[in-house]
Amino acid sequence: MKYIEHILEFELIKIANFSLSVYNLFLVLIIYFAVKGINHSIDLLIKKRLERDGVNDFVEGRSKSLTLIVKYIIYILGFSIAINSLGIDMGFVLGVFAALGLGIGFALQDVFKDLISGVIILFEGNVSVGDILEVDGLVGTVKEINLRTSLVRTRDGIYIVVPNNRIVNEKVINWSTNTKMTRFTVSVGVAYGSDTDKVKELLLKCVTENDMVSKRPRPMVAFQDFGDSALQFDVHYWILDTWQTEIVKSDLRFAIDKLFRVNNIQIPFPQRDVHVIQQ
């Protein structure tokens, strides 16, 4: 027994008033594996519960975000316990971090912004895993939310790492919040002299016959404007699956073009008349 105590009390490092013994190192390792084990258990618990309850994407995304918050809190607590087990004053550690922050703050200010933004995203819950975001015209599904960056998968199947600072501070559209249905618009122009009532009838026919368009709220057609070369119409409709919006728009344009051709409704192209004056 004394032999084991002697091994545990053996000092590996001694600098001034600080010493690192085998016992301290062993305790830090126990804390590390305990933290890893707790976080792994939380992941398994949440996964089994989601599979059992069969929840939707929104609840799953919120659950993953909350799980990530809990895991970071456990990491912080584990780090604090490990520091105290080594006999290091937490005030000294915080002072070192503050000094480092002042020294390299300008060089890493973007990193700090991303970290703070990550905390804001996780605690506010405005963006969750599974949400469909539009950033600078790019639409994608959030696959992961980490402390500094988020992983987004676009419609092309490309994974993009987005700094959390952009999600918090820039104009971002979250197509997954508030309501499941979203309104979209397809615009089309017809030649001057066309029967506008017939145009409205054909446009409504195209949109109501599309299976992916919701029946309620009802689609509508708006006579938008008198354009330079055409009468401008907008078709407004609602869909449930926001991810399929580009496919729905494409199908509607195909249907509109086909019906217009059958009914002799012309879609004009811009043209100019040039008059040459001879002197």
C-alpha atoms as a PDB file:
ATOM      1  CA  MET A   1       0.000   0.000   0.000  1.00  0.00           C
ATOM      2  CA  LYS A   2       2.806   2.361   0.898  1.00  0.00           C
ATOM      3  CA  TYR A   3       4.457   1.478  -2.400  1.00  0.00           C
ATOM      4  CA  ILE A   4       1.357   2.609  -4.306  1.00  0.00           C
ATOM      5  CA  GLU A   5       1.152   5.811  -2.254  1.00  0.00           C
ATOM      6  CA  HIS A   6       4.798   6.476  -3.009  1.00  0.00           C
ATOM      7  CA  ILE A   7       4.158   6.093  -6.748  1.00  0.00           C
ATOM      8  CA  LEU A   8       1.106   8.364  -6.657  1.00  0.00           C
ATOM      9  CA  GLU A   9       2.985  11.051  -4.715  1.00  0.00           C
ATOM     10  CA  PHE A  10       5.930  10.992  -7.093  1.00  0.00           C
ATOM     11  CA  GLU A  11       6.424  14.474  -8.571  1.00  0.00           C
ATOM     12  CA  LEU A  12       6.747  14.572 -12.350  1.00  0.00           C
ATOM     13  CA  ILE A  13       7.145  18.347 -12.650  1.00  0.00           C
ATOM     14  CA  LYS A  14       8.018  20.955 -10.046  1.00  0.00           C
ATOM     15  CA  ILE A  15       8.183  24.642 -10.936  1.00  0.00           C
ATOM     16  CA  ALA A  16       8.320  27.126  -8.051  1.00  0.00           C
ATOM     17  CA  ASN A  17       5.173  26.496  -5.990  1.00  0.00           C
ATOM     18  CA  PHE A  18       3.557  24.301  -8.642  1.00  0.00           C
ATOM     19  CA  SER A  19       4.072  20.551  -8.755  1.00  0.00           C
ATOM     20  CA  LEU A  20       2.517  17.824 -10.884  1.00  0.00           C
ATOM     21  CA  SER A  21       2.420  14.380  -9.310  1.00  0.00           C
ATOM     22  CA  VAL A  22       1.332  11.033 -10.692  1.00  0.00           C
ATOM     23  CA  TYR A  23      -1.799  11.340  -8.550  1.00  0.00           C
ATOM     24  CA  ASN A  24      -2.703  14.709 -10.139  1.00  0.00           C
ATOM     25  CA  LEU A  25      -2.162  13.312 -13.634  1.00  0.00           C
ATOM     26  CA  PHE A  26      -4.231  10.218 -12.830  1.00  0.00           C
ATOM     27  CA  LEU A  27      -7.045  12.414 -11.464  1.00  0.00           C
ATOM     28  CA  VAL A  28      -7.051  14.608 -14.593  1.00  0.00           C
ATOM     29  CA  LEU A  29      -7.303  11.504 -16.796  1.00  0.00           C
ATOM     30  CA  ILE A  30     -10.245  10.231 -14.741  1.00  0.00           C
ATOM     31  CA  ILE A  31     -12.000  13.590 -15.112  1.00  0.00           C
ATOM     32  CA  TYR A  32     -11.323  13.618 -18.873  1.00  0.00           C
ATOM     33  CA  PHE A  33     -12.756  10.149 -19.482  1.00  0.00           C
ATOM     34  CA  ALA A  34     -15.676  10.856 -17.144  1.00  0.00           C
ATOM     35  CA  VAL A  35     -16.592  13.963 -19.160  1.00  0.00           C
ATOM     36  CA  LYS A  36     -16.286  12.030 -22.430  1.00  0.00           C
ATOM     37  CA  GLY A  37     -18.415   9.217 -21.021  1.00  0.00           C
ATOM     38  CA  ILE A  38     -21.144  11.561 -19.765  1.00  0.00           C
ATOM     39  CA  ASN A  39     -21.350  13.373 -23.112  1.00  0.00           C
ATOM     40  CA  HIS A  40     -21.466  10.065 -25.001  1.00  0.00           C
ATOM     41  CA  SER A  41     -24.264   8.854 -22.724  1.00  0.00           C
ATOM     42  CA  ILE A  42     -26.218  12.065 -23.356  1.00  0.00           C
ATOM     43  CA  ASP A  43     -25.884  11.543 -27.126  1.00  0.00           C
ATOM     44  CA  LEU A  44     -27.166   7.964 -26.864  1.00  0.00           C
ATOM     45  CA  LEU A  45     -30.036   8.991 -24.570  1.00  0.00           C
ATOM     46  CA  ILE A  46     -31.225  11.773 -26.887  1.00  0.00           C
ATOM     47  CA  LYS A  47     -30.877   9.549 -29.972  1.00  0.00           C
ATOM     48  CA  LYS A  48     -32.928   6.725 -28.432  1.00  0.00           C
ATOM     49  CA  ARG A  49     -35.610   9.126 -27.256  1.00  0.00           C
ATOM     50  CA  LEU A  50     -35.926  10.745 -30.692  1.00  0.00           C
ATOM     51  CA  GLU A  51     -36.167   7.334 -32.356  1.00  0.00           C
ATOM     52  CA  ARG A  52     -38.784   6.219 -29.851  1.00  0.00           C
ATOM     53  CA  ASP A  53     -40.987   9.319 -30.041  1.00  0.00           C
ATOM     54  CA  GLY A  54     -40.658   9.778 -33.818  1.00  0.00           C
ATOM     55  CA  VAL A  55     -40.481  13.570 -33.553  1.00  0.00           C
ATOM     56  CA  ASN A  56     -40.349  16.002 -36.474  1.00  0.00           C
ATOM     57  CA  ASP A  57     -37.266  17.772 -37.825  1.00  0.00           C
ATOM     58  CA  PHE A  58     -37.880  20.930 -35.780  1.00  0.00           C
ATOM     59  CA  VAL A  59     -37.966  19.109 -32.423  1.00  0.00           C
ATOM     60  CA  GLU A  60     -34.958  17.019 -33.449  1.00  0.00           C
ATOM     61  CA  GLY A  61     -32.997  20.148 -34.360  1.00  0.00           C
ATOM     62  CA  ARG A  62     -33.862  21.878 -31.076  1.00  0.00           C
ATOM     63  CA  SER A  63     -32.922  18.715 -29.141  1.00  0.00           C
ATOM     64  CA  LYS A  64     -29.511  18.557 -30.818  1.00  0.00           C
ATOM     65  CA  SER A  65     -28.865  22.232 -30.116  1.00  0.00           C
ATOM     66  CA  LEU A  66     -29.789  21.857 -26.435  1.00  0.00           C
ATOM     67  CA  THR A  67     -27.646  18.732 -26.222  1.00  0.00           C
ATOM     68  CA  LEU A  68     -24.694  20.676 -27.574  1.00  0.00           C
ATOM     69  CA  ILE A  69     -25.222  23.386 -24.952  1.00  0.00           C
ATOM     70  CA  VAL A  70     -25.250  20.785 -22.159  1.00  0.00           C
ATOM     71  CA  LYS A  71     -22.089  19.164 -23.539  1.00  0.00           C
ATOM     72  CA  TYR A  72     -20.217  22.481 -23.591  1.00  0.00           C
ATOM     73  CA  ILE A  73     -21.315  23.180 -20.003  1.00  0.00           C
ATOM     74  CA  ILE A  74     -20.022  19.747 -18.955  1.00  0.00           C
ATOM     75  CA  TYR A  75     -16.709  20.437 -20.719  1.00  0.00           C
ATOM     76  CA  ILE A  76     -16.360  23.736 -18.853  1.00  0.00           C
ATOM     77  CA  LEU A  77     -17.172  22.113 -15.518  1.00  0.00           C
ATOM     78  CA  GLY A  78     -14.736  19.284 -16.217  1.00  0.00           C
ATOM     79  CA  PHE A  79     -12.013  21.777 -17.113  1.00  0.00           C
ATOM     80  CA  SER A  80     -12.647  23.729 -13.892  1.00  0.00           C
ATOM     81  CA  ILE A  81     -12.497  20.570 -11.758  1.00  0.00           C
ATOM     82  CA  ALA A  82      -9.298  19.455 -13.485  1.00  0.00           C
ATOM     83  CA  ILE A  83      -7.657  22.834 -12.861  1.00  0.00           C
ATOM     84  CA  ASN A  84      -8.652  22.768  -9.193  1.00  0.00           C
ATOM     85  CA  SER A  85      -7.343  19.196  -8.835  1.00  0.00           C
ATOM     86  CA  LEU A  86      -3.962  20.414 -10.020  1.00  0.00           C
ATOM     87  CA  GLY A  87      -3.963  23.084  -7.319  1.00  0.00           C
ATOM     88  CA  ILE A  88      -4.093  25.952  -9.811  1.00  0.00           C
ATOM     89  CA  ASP A  89      -6.085  29.035  -8.864  1.00  0.00           C
ATOM     90  CA  MET A  90      -8.952  29.656 -11.328  1.00  0.00           C
ATOM     91  CA  GLY A  91      -8.442  33.388 -10.918  1.00  0.00           C
ATOM     92  CA  PHE A  92      -4.912  32.967 -12.234  1.00  0.00           C
ATOM     93  CA  VAL A  93      -6.187  30.947 -15.229  1.00  0.00           C
ATOM     94  CA  LEU A  94      -8.813  33.573 -16.053  1.00  0.00           C
ATOM     95  CA  GLY A  95      -6.136  36.255 -15.780  1.00  0.00           C
ATOM     96  CA  VAL A  96      -3.932  34.376 -18.248  1.00  0.00           C
ATOM     97  CA  PHE A  97      -6.823  34.037 -20.697  1.00  0.00           C
ATOM     98  CA  ALA A  98      -7.598  37.737 -20.329  1.00  0.00           C
ATOM     99  CA  ALA A  99      -3.962  38.644 -21.021  1.00  0.00           C
ATOM    100  CA  LEU A 100      -3.886  36.377 -24.058  1.00  0.00           C
ATOM    101  CA  GLY A 101      -7.142  37.882 -25.232  1.00  0.00           C
ATOM    102  CA  LEU A 102      -5.674  41.365 -25.088  1.00  0.00           C
ATOM    103  CA  GLY A 103      -2.476  40.255 -26.780  1.00  0.00           C
ATOM    104  CA  ILE A 104      -3.969  38.398 -29.722  1.00  0.00           C
ATOM    105  CA  GLY A 105      -7.444  39.889 -29.713  1.00  0.00           C
ATOM    106  CA  PHE A 106      -6.913  41.893 -32.887  1.00  0.00           C
ATOM    107  CA  ALA A 107      -5.494  38.928 -34.765  1.00  0.00           C
ATOM    108  CA  LEU A 108      -8.315  36.584 -33.701  1.00  0.00           C
ATOM    109  CA  GLN A 109     -11.210  39.005 -33.453  1.00  0.00           C
ATOM    110  CA  ASP A 110     -13.143  37.192 -36.200  1.00  0.00           C
ATOM    111  CA  VAL A 111     -12.678  33.893 -34.361  1.00  0.00           C
ATOM    112  CA  PHE A 112     -13.997  35.435 -31.134  1.00  0.00           C
ATOM    113  CA  LYS A 113     -16.977  36.855 -33.022  1.00  0.00           C
ATOM    114  CA  ASP A 114     -17.747  33.390 -34.400  1.00  0.00           C
ATOM    115  CA  LEU A 115     -17.473  31.821 -30.930  1.00  0.00           C
ATOM    116  CA  ILE A 116     -19.789  34.385 -29.370  1.00  0.00           C
ATOM    117  CA  SER A 117     -22.194  34.035 -32.296  1.00  0.00           C
ATOM    118  CA  GLY A 118     -22.189  30.255 -31.805  1.00  0.00           C
ATOM    119  CA  VAL A 119     -23.213  30.688 -28.171  1.00  0.00           C
ATOM    120  CA  ILE A 120     -25.977  33.108 -29.223  1.00  0.00           C
ATOM    121  CA  ILE A 121     -27.307  30.675 -31.847  1.00  0.00           C
ATOM    122  CA  LEU A 122     -27.354  27.755 -29.403  1.00  0.00           C
ATOM    123  CA  PHE A 123     -29.060  29.675 -26.579  1.00  0.00           C
ATOM    124  CA  GLU A 124     -31.553  31.713 -28.641  1.00  0.00           C
ATOM    125  CA  GLY A 125     -32.648  28.749 -30.751  1.00  0.00           C
ATOM    126  CA  ASN A 126     -33.505  30.853 -33.814  1.00  0.00           C
ATOM    127  CA  VAL A 127     -31.532  28.379 -35.952  1.00  0.00           C
ATOM    128  CA  SER A 128     -31.545  24.632 -35.318  1.00  0.00           C
ATOM    129  CA  VAL A 129     -30.196  21.512 -36.984  1.00  0.00           C
ATOM    130  CA  GLY A 130     -32.500  20.602 -39.875  1.00  0.00           C
ATOM    131  CA  ASP A 131     -33.574  24.190 -40.626  1.00  0.00           C
ATOM    132  CA  ILE A 132     -33.488  25.428 -44.214  1.00  0.00           C
ATOM    133  CA  LEU A 133     -31.493  28.669 -44.446  1.00  0.00           C
ATOM    134  CA  GLU A 134     -30.891  31.137 -47.252  1.00  0.00           C
ATOM    135  CA  VAL A 135     -27.619  33.076 -46.944  1.00  0.00           C
ATOM    136  CA  ASP A 136     -26.601  35.424 -49.783  1.00  0.00           C
ATOM    137  CA  GLY A 137     -28.967  33.620 -52.167  1.00  0.00           C
ATOM    138  CA  LEU A 138     -27.553  30.199 -51.229  1.00  0.00           C
ATOM    139  CA  VAL A 139     -30.134  27.756 -49.833  1.00  0.00           C
ATOM    140  CA  GLY A 140     -29.132  24.803 -47.682  1.00  0.00           C
ATOM    141  CA  THR A 141     -30.069  22.558 -44.768  1.00  0.00           C
ATOM    142  CA  VAL A 142     -28.256  22.968 -41.440  1.00  0.00           C
ATOM    143  CA  LYS A 143     -26.532  19.672 -40.629  1.00  0.00           C
ATOM    144  CA  GLU A 144     -24.378  20.707 -37.673  1.00  0.00           C
ATOM    145  CA  ILE A 145     -24.112  23.716 -35.355  1.00  0.00           C
ATOM    146  CA  ASN A 146     -20.748  23.934 -33.643  1.00  0.00           C
ATOM    147  CA  LEU A 147     -19.348  26.617 -31.385  1.00  0.00           C
ATOM    148  CA  ARG A 148     -17.489  28.502 -34.155  1.00  0.00           C
ATOM    149  CA  THR A 149     -19.007  27.289 -37.444  1.00  0.00           C
ATOM    150  CA  SER A 150     -22.089  25.585 -38.833  1.00  0.00           C
ATOM    151  CA  LEU A 151     -22.231  22.902 -41.528  1.00  0.00           C
ATOM    152  CA  VAL A 152     -24.785  23.515 -44.295  1.00  0.00           C
ATOM    153  CA  ARG A 153     -25.714  21.139 -47.141  1.00  0.00           C
ATOM    154  CA  THR A 154     -26.882  22.844 -50.347  1.00  0.00           C
ATOM    155  CA  ARG A 155     -29.344  21.522 -52.924  1.00  0.00           C
ATOM    156  CA  ASP A 156     -26.355  20.405 -55.001  1.00  0.00           C
ATOM    157  CA  GLY A 157     -25.232  18.120 -52.171  1.00  0.00           C
ATOM    158  CA  ILE A 158     -22.244  20.349 -51.385  1.00  0.00           C
ATOM    159  CA  TYR A 159     -21.316  20.818 -47.728  1.00  0.00           C
ATOM    160  CA  ILE A 160     -20.362  24.384 -46.823  1.00  0.00           C
ATOM    161  CA  VAL A 161     -18.806  25.548 -43.555  1.00  0.00           C
ATOM    162  CA  VAL A 162     -20.454  28.849 -42.600  1.00  0.00           C
ATOM    163  CA  PRO A 163     -18.967  31.031 -39.816  1.00  0.00           C
ATOM    164  CA  ASN A 164     -21.586  31.593 -37.115  1.00  0.00           C
ATOM    165  CA  ASN A 165     -20.872  35.318 -37.266  1.00  0.00           C
ATOM    166  CA  ARG A 166     -22.519  35.467 -40.709  1.00  0.00           C
ATOM    167  CA  ILE A 167     -25.656  33.705 -39.497  1.00  0.00           C
ATOM    168  CA  VAL A 168     -26.084  36.134 -36.581  1.00  0.00           C
ATOM    169  CA  ASN A 169     -25.099  39.450 -38.190  1.00  0.00           C
ATOM    170  CA  GLU A 170     -26.046  39.101 -41.863  1.00  0.00           C
ATOM    171  CA  LYS A 171     -29.450  38.889 -43.496  1.00  0.00           C
ATOM    172  CA  VAL A 172     -30.435  35.234 -43.222  1.00  0.00           C
ATOM    173  CA  ILE A 173     -33.828  33.755 -44.144  1.00  0.00           C
ATOM    174  CA  ASN A 174     -34.921  30.739 -42.112  1.00  0.00           C
ATOM    175  CA  TRP A 175     -37.566  28.975 -44.182  1.00  0.00           C
ATOM    176  CA  SER A 176     -38.336  26.528 -41.372  1.00  0.00           C
ATOM    177  CA  THR A 177     -39.650  28.890 -38.686  1.00  0.00           C
ATOM    178  CA  ASN A 178     -43.127  30.136 -37.785  1.00  0.00           C
ATOM    179  CA  THR A 179     -45.112  28.035 -40.264  1.00  0.00           C
ATOM    180  CA  LYS A 180     -44.650  24.888 -42.301  1.00  0.00           C
ATOM    181  CA  MET A 181     -46.070  26.536 -45.439  1.00  0.00           C
ATOM    182  CA  THR A 182     -44.244  29.192 -47.410  1.00  0.00           C
ATOM    183  CA  ARG A 183     -45.480  31.412 -50.234  1.00  0.00           C
ATOM    184  CA  PHE A 184     -43.562  31.657 -53.488  1.00  0.00           C
ATOM    185  CA  THR A 185     -44.084  33.505 -56.751  1.00  0.00           C
ATOM    186  CA  VAL A 186     -43.636  32.776 -60.456  1.00  0.00           C
ATOM    187  CA  SER A 187     -43.624  35.814 -62.760  1.00  0.00           C
ATOM    188  CA  VAL A 188     -44.560  35.826 -66.454  1.00  0.00           C
ATOM    189  CA  GLY A 189     -45.195  38.455 -69.109  1.00  0.00           C
ATOM    190  CA  VAL A 190     -47.702  38.285 -71.976  1.00  0.00           C
ATOM    191  CA  ALA A 191     -47.989  40.350 -75.129  1.00  0.00           C
ATOM    192  CA  TYR A 192     -50.039  43.536 -75.163  1.00  0.00           C
ATOM    193  CA  GLY A 193     -53.527  42.848 -76.518  1.00  0.00           C
ATOM    194  CA  SER A 194     -53.779  39.448 -74.801  1.00  0.00           C
ATOM    195  CA  ASP A 195     -57.031  38.494 -73.068  1.00  0.00           C
ATOM    196  CA  THR A 196     -56.088  39.173 -69.425  1.00  0.00           C
ATOM    197  CA  ASP A 197     -59.043  37.171 -68.043  1.00  0.00           C
ATOM    198  CA  LYS A 198     -57.930  34.179 -70.107  1.00  0.00           C
ATOM    199  CA  VAL A 199     -54.348  34.629 -68.906  1.00  0.00           C
ATOM    200  CA  LYS A 200     -55.539  34.591 -65.285  1.00  0.00           C
ATOM    201  CA  GLU A 201     -57.630  31.481 -65.910  1.00  0.00           C
ATOM    202  CA  LEU A 202     -54.721  29.595 -67.495  1.00  0.00           C
ATOM    203  CA  LEU A 203     -52.268  30.578 -64.757  1.00  0.00           C
ATOM    204  CA  LEU A 204     -54.653  29.414 -62.037  1.00  0.00           C
ATOM    205  CA  LYS A 205     -55.179  26.160 -63.923  1.00  0.00           C
ATOM    206  CA  CYS A 206     -51.436  25.528 -64.038  1.00  0.00           C
ATOM    207  CA  VAL A 207     -50.881  26.157 -60.337  1.00  0.00           C
ATOM    208  CA  THR A 208     -53.969  24.289 -59.046  1.00  0.00           C
ATOM    209  CA  GLU A 209     -53.117  21.165 -61.059  1.00  0.00           C
ATOM    210  CA  ASN A 210     -49.672  20.904 -59.470  1.00  0.00           C
ATOM    211  CA  ASP A 211     -49.797  18.274 -56.701  1.00  0.00           C
ATOM    212  CA  MET A 212     -47.075  19.968 -54.627  1.00  0.00           C
ATOM    213  CA  VAL A 213     -48.982  23.263 -54.364  1.00  0.00           C
ATOM    214  CA  SER A 214     -51.186  23.613 -51.293  1.00  0.00           C
ATOM    215  CA  LYS A 215     -54.921  24.116 -51.841  1.00  0.00           C
ATOM    216  CA  ARG A 216     -55.171  26.357 -48.795  1.00  0.00           C
ATOM    217  CA  PRO A 217     -54.376  29.194 -48.754  1.00  0.00           C
ATOM    218  CA  ARG A 218     -55.665  29.333 -52.314  1.00  0.00           C
ATOM    219  CA  PRO A 219     -53.269  30.378 -55.099  1.00  0.00           C
ATOM    220  CA  MET A 220     -53.852  33.782 -56.650  1.00  0.00           C
ATOM    221  CA  VAL A 221     -52.869  35.696 -59.777  1.00  0.00           C
ATOM    222  CA  ALA A 222     -51.917  39.383 -59.615  1.00  0.00           C
ATOM    223  CA  PHE A 223     -51.748  41.745 -62.619  1.00  0.00           C
ATOM    224  CA  GLN A 224     -48.447  43.228 -61.529  1.00  0.00           C
ATOM    225  CA  ASP A 225     -47.629  45.992 -64.019  1.00  0.00           C
ATOM    226  CA  PHE A 226     -47.632  47.357 -67.550  1.00  0.00           C
ATOM    227  CA  GLY A 227     -44.087  46.548 -68.617  1.00  0.00           C
ATOM    228  CA  ASP A 228     -42.056  47.994 -71.471  1.00  0.00           C
ATOM    229  CA  SER A 229     -42.697  44.986 -73.691  1.00  0.00           C
ATOM    230  CA  ALA A 230     -45.299  42.902 -71.815  1.00  0.00           C
ATOM    231  CA  LEU A 231     -48.164  42.773 -69.341  1.00  0.00           C
ATOM    232  CA  GLN A 232     -46.604  41.460 -66.130  1.00  0.00           C
ATOM    233  CA  PHE A 233     -48.409  38.806 -64.058  1.00  0.00           C
ATOM    234  CA  ASP A 234     -47.402  37.148 -60.758  1.00  0.00           C
ATOM    235  CA  VAL A 235     -48.663  33.740 -59.648  1.00  0.00           C
ATOM    236  CA  HIS A 236     -48.620  33.388 -55.841  1.00  0.00           C
ATOM    237  CA  TYR A 237     -48.885  29.924 -54.299  1.00  0.00           C
ATOM    238  CA  TRP A 238     -48.068  28.055 -51.072  1.00  0.00           C
ATOM    239  CA  ILE A 239     -46.106  24.827 -50.621  1.00  0.00           C
ATOM    240  CA  LEU A 240     -45.256  22.635 -47.630  1.00  0.00           C
ATOM    241  CA  ASP A 241     -41.880  21.327 -48.749  1.00  0.00           C
ATOM    242  CA  THR A 242     -39.693  24.427 -49.049  1.00  0.00           C
ATOM    243  CA  TRP A 243     -36.742  22.304 -50.171  1.00  0.00           C
ATOM    244  CA  GLN A 244     -38.610  21.475 -53.424  1.00  0.00           C
ATOM    245  CA  THR A 245     -39.397  25.076 -54.358  1.00  0.00           C
ATOM    246  CA  GLU A 246     -37.098  25.192 -57.407  1.00  0.00           C
ATOM    247  CA  ILE A 247     -38.643  21.979 -58.788  1.00  0.00           C
ATOM    248  CA  VAL A 248     -42.148  23.387 -58.298  1.00  0.00           C
ATOM    249  CA  LYS A 249     -41.210  26.645 -60.031  1.00  0.00           C
ATOM    250  CA  SER A 250     -39.726  24.725 -62.957  1.00  0.00           C
ATOM    251  CA  ASP A 251     -42.826  22.523 -63.318  1.00  0.00           C
ATOM    252  CA  LEU A 252     -45.082  25.579 -63.259  1.00  0.00           C
ATOM    253  CA  ARG A 253     -43.052  27.326 -65.950  1.00  0.00           C
ATOM    254  CA  PHE A 254     -43.236  24.234 -68.174  1.00  0.00           C
ATOM    255  CA  ALA A 255     -47.017  24.047 -67.670  1.00  0.00           C
ATOM    256  CA  ILE A 256     -47.506  27.783 -68.306  1.00  0.00           C
ATOM    257  CA  ASP A 257     -45.489  27.678 -71.523  1.00  0.00           C
ATOM    258  CA  LYS A 258     -47.445  24.643 -72.757  1.00  0.00           C
ATOM    259  CA  LEU A 259     -50.890  26.117 -72.007  1.00  0.00           C
ATOM    260  CA  PHE A 260     -49.974  29.496 -73.478  1.00  0.00           C
ATOM    261  CA  ARG A 261     -48.872  27.834 -76.727  1.00  0.00           C
ATOM    262  CA  VAL A 262     -52.124  25.835 -76.954  1.00  0.00           C
ATOM    263  CA  ASN A 263     -54.225  28.958 -76.356  1.00  0.00           C
ATOM    264  CA  ASN A 264     -52.139  31.288 -78.568  1.00  0.00           C
ATOM    265  CA  ILE A 265     -50.989  33.474 -75.684  1.00  0.00           C
ATOM    266  CA  GLN A 266     -47.618  34.959 -76.598  1.00  0.00           C
ATOM    267  CA  ILE A 267     -44.756  35.522 -74.168  1.00  0.00           C
ATOM    268  CA  PRO A 268     -42.946  38.478 -75.780  1.00  0.00           C
ATOM    269  CA  PHE A 269     -39.267  39.221 -75.719  1.00  0.00           C
ATOM    270  CA  PRO A 270     -37.799  42.753 -75.440  1.00  0.00           C
ATOM    271  CA  GLN A 271     -37.559  44.508 -78.789  1.00  0.00           C
ATOM    272  CA  ARG A 272     -36.868  47.994 -80.091  1.00  0.00           C
ATOM    273  CA  ASP A 273     -37.844  49.825 -83.265  1.00  0.00           C
ATOM    274  CA  VAL A 274     -34.973  51.743 -84.849  1.00  0.00           C
ATOM    275  CA  HIS A 275     -35.868  54.619 -87.205  1.00  0.00           C
ATOM    276  CA  VAL A 276     -33.137  55.822 -89.544  1.00  0.00           C
ATOM    277  CA  ILE A 277     -33.497  59.450 -90.606  1.00  0.00           C
ATOM    278  CA  GLN A 278     -31.750  60.285 -93.849  1.00  0.00           C
ATOM    279  CA  GLN A 279     -30.742  63.868 -94.523  1.00  0.00           C
END
